[in-house]
Amino acid sequence: MIASAELTNPAGLHARPSVKLTGLAKSFSCAVEIALSADGPWVDAKSPVKVMRVKAPRGSVLHVRTTGAGANAASEAVMALVREGFGEHEGNPHG
């Protein structure tokens, strides 16, 4: 399953959101990957180092691909996290 959402938090996919994303991805047994293009390259969302290397600024569209048992739930959870801006608020990039 592939879903996508725009990064709306002030700093985009920086360290704190990367940690939140990988923590959430690790809570699912299915494969969770992210990319800045629907064509890839795809990155393992369970790897904090790989996620931080994506360096997606605010306004980027983050694509999430999930496969395996629980893929729909994982995709919905990750999309919710992205749409909520990783819990960060305008003017307070640290949440």
Protein backbone atom coordinates (compact mmCIF):
# COMPACT_ATOMS: atom_id res chain seq x y z
CA MET A 1 0.00 0.00 0.00
CA ILE A 2 1.30 3.47 -0.87
CA ALA A 3 0.00 6.67 0.70
CA SER A 4 1.31 10.23 0.74
CA ALA A 5 1.00 13.44 2.73
CA GLU A 6 2.64 16.84 2.78
CA LEU A 7 5.08 17.66 5.56
CA THR A 8 3.53 20.65 7.33
CA ASN A 9 5.63 20.88 10.49
CA PRO A 10 8.04 23.85 10.56
CA ALA A 11 11.33 22.02 10.06
CA GLY A 12 10.17 19.08 7.95
CA LEU A 13 11.65 15.64 8.55
CA HIS A 14 14.46 16.55 10.95
CA ALA A 15 15.80 14.62 13.97
CA ARG A 16 12.78 14.63 16.29
CA PRO A 17 10.20 13.74 13.64
CA SER A 18 12.56 11.06 12.31
CA VAL A 19 12.72 9.45 15.75
CA LYS A 20 8.92 9.59 16.09
CA LEU A 21 8.49 8.10 12.62
CA THR A 22 10.94 5.24 13.17
CA GLY A 23 9.47 4.47 16.61
CA LEU A 24 6.01 4.22 15.09
CA ALA A 25 7.23 2.15 12.12
CA LYS A 26 9.00 -0.29 14.47
CA SER A 27 5.73 -0.90 16.31
CA PHE A 28 4.41 -2.74 13.23
CA SER A 29 5.63 -6.11 11.97
CA CYS A 30 5.14 -5.18 8.32
CA ALA A 31 7.72 -3.42 6.17
CA VAL A 32 7.44 0.38 6.26
CA GLU A 33 9.36 2.49 3.75
CA ILE A 34 9.38 6.19 2.88
CA ALA A 35 10.37 8.21 -0.18
CA LEU A 36 10.10 11.75 -1.53
CA SER A 37 8.88 10.39 -4.88
CA ALA A 38 6.34 7.66 -5.56
CA ASP A 39 9.04 6.11 -7.76
CA GLY A 40 11.58 6.02 -4.90
CA PRO A 41 14.26 5.60 -3.88
CA TRP A 42 12.58 3.92 -0.90
CA VAL A 43 14.16 4.00 2.56
CA ASP A 44 13.51 1.67 5.50
CA ALA A 45 11.40 3.75 7.91
CA LYS A 46 12.56 1.59 10.82
CA SER A 47 16.12 2.95 10.51
CA PRO A 48 16.59 6.35 12.20
CA VAL A 49 19.82 7.02 10.30
CA LYS A 50 18.25 6.25 6.91
CA VAL A 51 15.15 8.34 7.69
CA MET A 52 17.24 11.34 8.77
CA ARG A 53 19.22 11.11 5.52
CA VAL A 54 16.02 11.80 3.57
CA LYS A 55 16.23 15.46 4.71
CA ALA A 56 12.74 16.39 3.61
CA PRO A 57 11.92 20.09 4.17
CA ARG A 58 8.50 21.48 5.01
CA GLY A 59 6.24 21.33 1.97
CA SER A 60 7.73 18.08 0.68
CA VAL A 61 5.36 15.23 -0.04
CA LEU A 62 6.31 12.13 1.93
CA HIS A 63 5.29 8.82 0.38
CA VAL A 64 4.86 5.78 2.61
CA ARG A 65 4.87 2.20 1.33
CA THR A 66 3.83 -0.66 3.59
CA THR A 67 3.81 -4.39 2.83
CA GLY A 68 2.95 -7.43 4.89
CA ALA A 69 0.68 -8.16 7.83
CA GLY A 70 -0.79 -4.98 9.27
CA ALA A 71 0.21 -2.85 6.27
CA ASN A 72 -3.06 -0.89 6.21
CA ALA A 73 -2.89 -0.05 9.92
CA ALA A 74 0.77 0.96 9.62
CA SER A 75 0.09 3.18 6.64
CA GLU A 76 -2.85 4.88 8.39
CA ALA A 77 -0.81 5.46 11.56
CA VAL A 78 2.18 6.94 9.73
CA MET A 79 -0.05 9.17 7.60
CA ALA A 80 -1.82 10.40 10.75
CA LEU A 81 1.55 11.24 12.34
CA VAL A 82 2.64 13.19 9.24
CA ARG A 83 -0.69 15.02 8.89
CA GLU A 84 -0.54 16.00 12.59
CA GLY A 85 2.86 17.58 11.95
CA PHE A 86 4.58 15.07 14.24
CA GLY A 87 3.05 16.90 17.20
CA GLU A 88 5.05 20.02 16.42
CA HIS A 89 3.43 23.42 16.33
CA GLU A 90 4.12 26.56 14.32
CA GLY A 91 6.66 28.70 16.16
CA ASN A 92 7.74 25.78 18.36
CA PRO A 93 9.72 23.26 16.31
CA HIS A 94 10.39 21.15 19.40
CA GLY A 95 6.72 20.33 20.02
